[in-house]
Amino acid sequence: MYTYIPSNSDHSHNKIDYIWCNIDLMLSTMDSKPQDVQPVIKTNHRMITLNLFMDDIVPNKNNIQKRQPPSRTIYCYDEMQKTDGE
């Protein structure tokens, strides 16, 4: 996919740009397309748009399990015997 737009038509397109993403985002991608942004932004590159599987990115509220609060120990120092702390 070419994202660079040469200013001179005699020059060729090239793939000098790198798009970095993690494996989860890559696996959630359905489609990608270069989009011209020339009228809005002065650049010699195109923007990449992605169509993503939203189920993989945004969790379904029905499937979320409630987290259990962490367990804790409460010590009653006032009720301890001298032998308990040794």
C-alpha atoms as a PDB file:
ATOM      1  CA  MET A   1       0.000   0.000   0.000  1.00  0.00           C
ATOM      2  CA  TYR A   2       1.526   3.295  -1.055  1.00  0.00           C
ATOM      3  CA  THR A   3       1.087   6.280   1.224  1.00  0.00           C
ATOM      4  CA  TYR A   4       3.608   8.661  -0.345  1.00  0.00           C
ATOM      5  CA  ILE A   5       2.386  10.972  -3.134  1.00  0.00           C
ATOM      6  CA  PRO A   6       5.306  12.201  -5.272  1.00  0.00           C
ATOM      7  CA  SER A   7       5.188  15.889  -6.185  1.00  0.00           C
ATOM      8  CA  ASN A   8       6.635  15.144  -9.605  1.00  0.00           C
ATOM      9  CA  SER A   9       4.679  12.689 -11.742  1.00  0.00           C
ATOM     10  CA  ASP A  10       7.978  11.330 -13.129  1.00  0.00           C
ATOM     11  CA  HIS A  11       8.871  10.002  -9.689  1.00  0.00           C
ATOM     12  CA  SER A  12       7.475   6.706  -8.594  1.00  0.00           C
ATOM     13  CA  HIS A  13       5.494   5.888  -5.505  1.00  0.00           C
ATOM     14  CA  ASN A  14       7.391   4.130  -2.791  1.00  0.00           C
ATOM     15  CA  LYS A  15       6.778   2.399   0.486  1.00  0.00           C
ATOM     16  CA  ILE A  16       8.946   4.411   2.838  1.00  0.00           C
ATOM     17  CA  ASP A  17       6.388   4.704   5.634  1.00  0.00           C
ATOM     18  CA  TYR A  18       5.919   2.201   8.405  1.00  0.00           C
ATOM     19  CA  ILE A  19       2.675   1.653  10.254  1.00  0.00           C
ATOM     20  CA  TRP A  20       3.209   0.284  13.765  1.00  0.00           C
ATOM     21  CA  CYS A  21       0.526  -1.503  15.736  1.00  0.00           C
ATOM     22  CA  ASN A  22       0.266  -4.345  18.182  1.00  0.00           C
ATOM     23  CA  ILE A  23      -0.861  -7.843  17.240  1.00  0.00           C
ATOM     24  CA  ASP A  24      -4.344  -7.397  18.763  1.00  0.00           C
ATOM     25  CA  LEU A  25      -5.086  -4.395  16.575  1.00  0.00           C
ATOM     26  CA  MET A  26      -3.718  -6.132  13.513  1.00  0.00           C
ATOM     27  CA  LEU A  27      -5.909  -9.190  14.083  1.00  0.00           C
ATOM     28  CA  SER A  28      -8.957  -6.948  14.611  1.00  0.00           C
ATOM     29  CA  THR A  29      -8.510  -5.223  11.248  1.00  0.00           C
ATOM     30  CA  MET A  30     -11.106  -6.031   8.600  1.00  0.00           C
ATOM     31  CA  ASP A  31      -9.916  -3.604   5.942  1.00  0.00           C
ATOM     32  CA  SER A  32      -7.479  -0.726   5.417  1.00  0.00           C
ATOM     33  CA  LYS A  33      -7.411   1.990   2.785  1.00  0.00           C
ATOM     34  CA  PRO A  34      -5.255   4.993   1.976  1.00  0.00           C
ATOM     35  CA  GLN A  35      -7.247   8.253   2.005  1.00  0.00           C
ATOM     36  CA  ASP A  36      -6.233  11.553   0.433  1.00  0.00           C
ATOM     37  CA  VAL A  37      -6.167  14.423   2.929  1.00  0.00           C
ATOM     38  CA  GLN A  38      -4.804  17.093   0.579  1.00  0.00           C
ATOM     39  CA  PRO A  39      -7.701  19.542   0.831  1.00  0.00           C
ATOM     40  CA  VAL A  40      -7.476  19.642   4.622  1.00  0.00           C
ATOM     41  CA  ILE A  41      -3.801  19.039   5.407  1.00  0.00           C
ATOM     42  CA  LYS A  42      -0.830  19.998   3.253  1.00  0.00           C
ATOM     43  CA  THR A  43       1.126  16.780   3.070  1.00  0.00           C
ATOM     44  CA  ASN A  44       2.633  14.467   0.504  1.00  0.00           C
ATOM     45  CA  HIS A  45       1.273  11.399   2.292  1.00  0.00           C
ATOM     46  CA  ARG A  46      -2.063   9.692   2.518  1.00  0.00           C
ATOM     47  CA  MET A  47      -3.834   8.801   5.723  1.00  0.00           C
ATOM     48  CA  ILE A  48      -4.576   5.142   6.432  1.00  0.00           C
ATOM     49  CA  THR A  49      -8.053   4.283   7.646  1.00  0.00           C
ATOM     50  CA  LEU A  50      -8.931   0.996   9.282  1.00  0.00           C
ATOM     51  CA  ASN A  51     -12.189  -0.875   9.570  1.00  0.00           C
ATOM     52  CA  LEU A  52     -12.048  -2.863  12.769  1.00  0.00           C
ATOM     53  CA  PHE A  53     -14.004  -5.656  14.404  1.00  0.00           C
ATOM     54  CA  MET A  54     -15.423  -3.696  17.322  1.00  0.00           C
ATOM     55  CA  ASP A  55     -16.243  -6.823  19.336  1.00  0.00           C
ATOM     56  CA  ASP A  56     -12.517  -7.486  19.650  1.00  0.00           C
ATOM     57  CA  ILE A  57     -11.741  -3.957  20.858  1.00  0.00           C
ATOM     58  CA  VAL A  58     -14.747  -2.831  22.897  1.00  0.00           C
ATOM     59  CA  PRO A  59     -15.795  -5.484  25.408  1.00  0.00           C
ATOM     60  CA  ASN A  60     -19.410  -6.534  25.555  1.00  0.00           C
ATOM     61  CA  LYS A  61     -20.904  -5.372  28.877  1.00  0.00           C
ATOM     62  CA  ASN A  62     -22.906  -8.596  29.159  1.00  0.00           C
ATOM     63  CA  ASN A  63     -19.737 -10.703  29.093  1.00  0.00           C
ATOM     64  CA  ILE A  64     -17.764  -8.742  31.670  1.00  0.00           C
ATOM     65  CA  GLN A  65     -17.293 -10.510  34.976  1.00  0.00           C
ATOM     66  CA  LYS A  66     -17.343  -8.384  38.084  1.00  0.00           C
ATOM     67  CA  ARG A  67     -14.010  -8.216  39.814  1.00  0.00           C
ATOM     68  CA  GLN A  68     -13.789  -9.529  43.334  1.00  0.00           C
ATOM     69  CA  PRO A  69     -12.288  -7.092  45.834  1.00  0.00           C
ATOM     70  CA  PRO A  70      -8.901  -8.267  47.074  1.00  0.00           C
ATOM     71  CA  SER A  71      -8.959 -10.182  50.339  1.00  0.00           C
ATOM     72  CA  ARG A  72      -7.523  -8.473  53.385  1.00  0.00           C
ATOM     73  CA  THR A  73      -6.573  -9.398  56.882  1.00  0.00           C
ATOM     74  CA  ILE A  74      -7.665  -7.233  59.785  1.00  0.00           C
ATOM     75  CA  TYR A  75      -5.534  -7.440  62.918  1.00  0.00           C
ATOM     76  CA  CYS A  76      -7.058  -6.495  66.268  1.00  0.00           C
ATOM     77  CA  TYR A  77      -3.982  -5.258  68.104  1.00  0.00           C
ATOM     78  CA  ASP A  78      -6.002  -4.337  71.194  1.00  0.00           C
ATOM     79  CA  GLU A  79      -7.147  -7.954  71.620  1.00  0.00           C
ATOM     80  CA  MET A  80      -3.736  -9.608  71.072  1.00  0.00           C
ATOM     81  CA  GLN A  81      -2.030 -11.470  73.867  1.00  0.00           C
ATOM     82  CA  LYS A  82       1.648 -11.051  74.500  1.00  0.00           C
ATOM     83  CA  THR A  83       2.341 -14.604  73.233  1.00  0.00           C
ATOM     84  CA  ASP A  84       0.418 -13.987  69.952  1.00  0.00           C
ATOM     85  CA  GLY A  85       2.959 -11.485  68.654  1.00  0.00           C
ATOM     86  CA  GLU A  86       6.069 -13.554  69.295  1.00  0.00           C
END
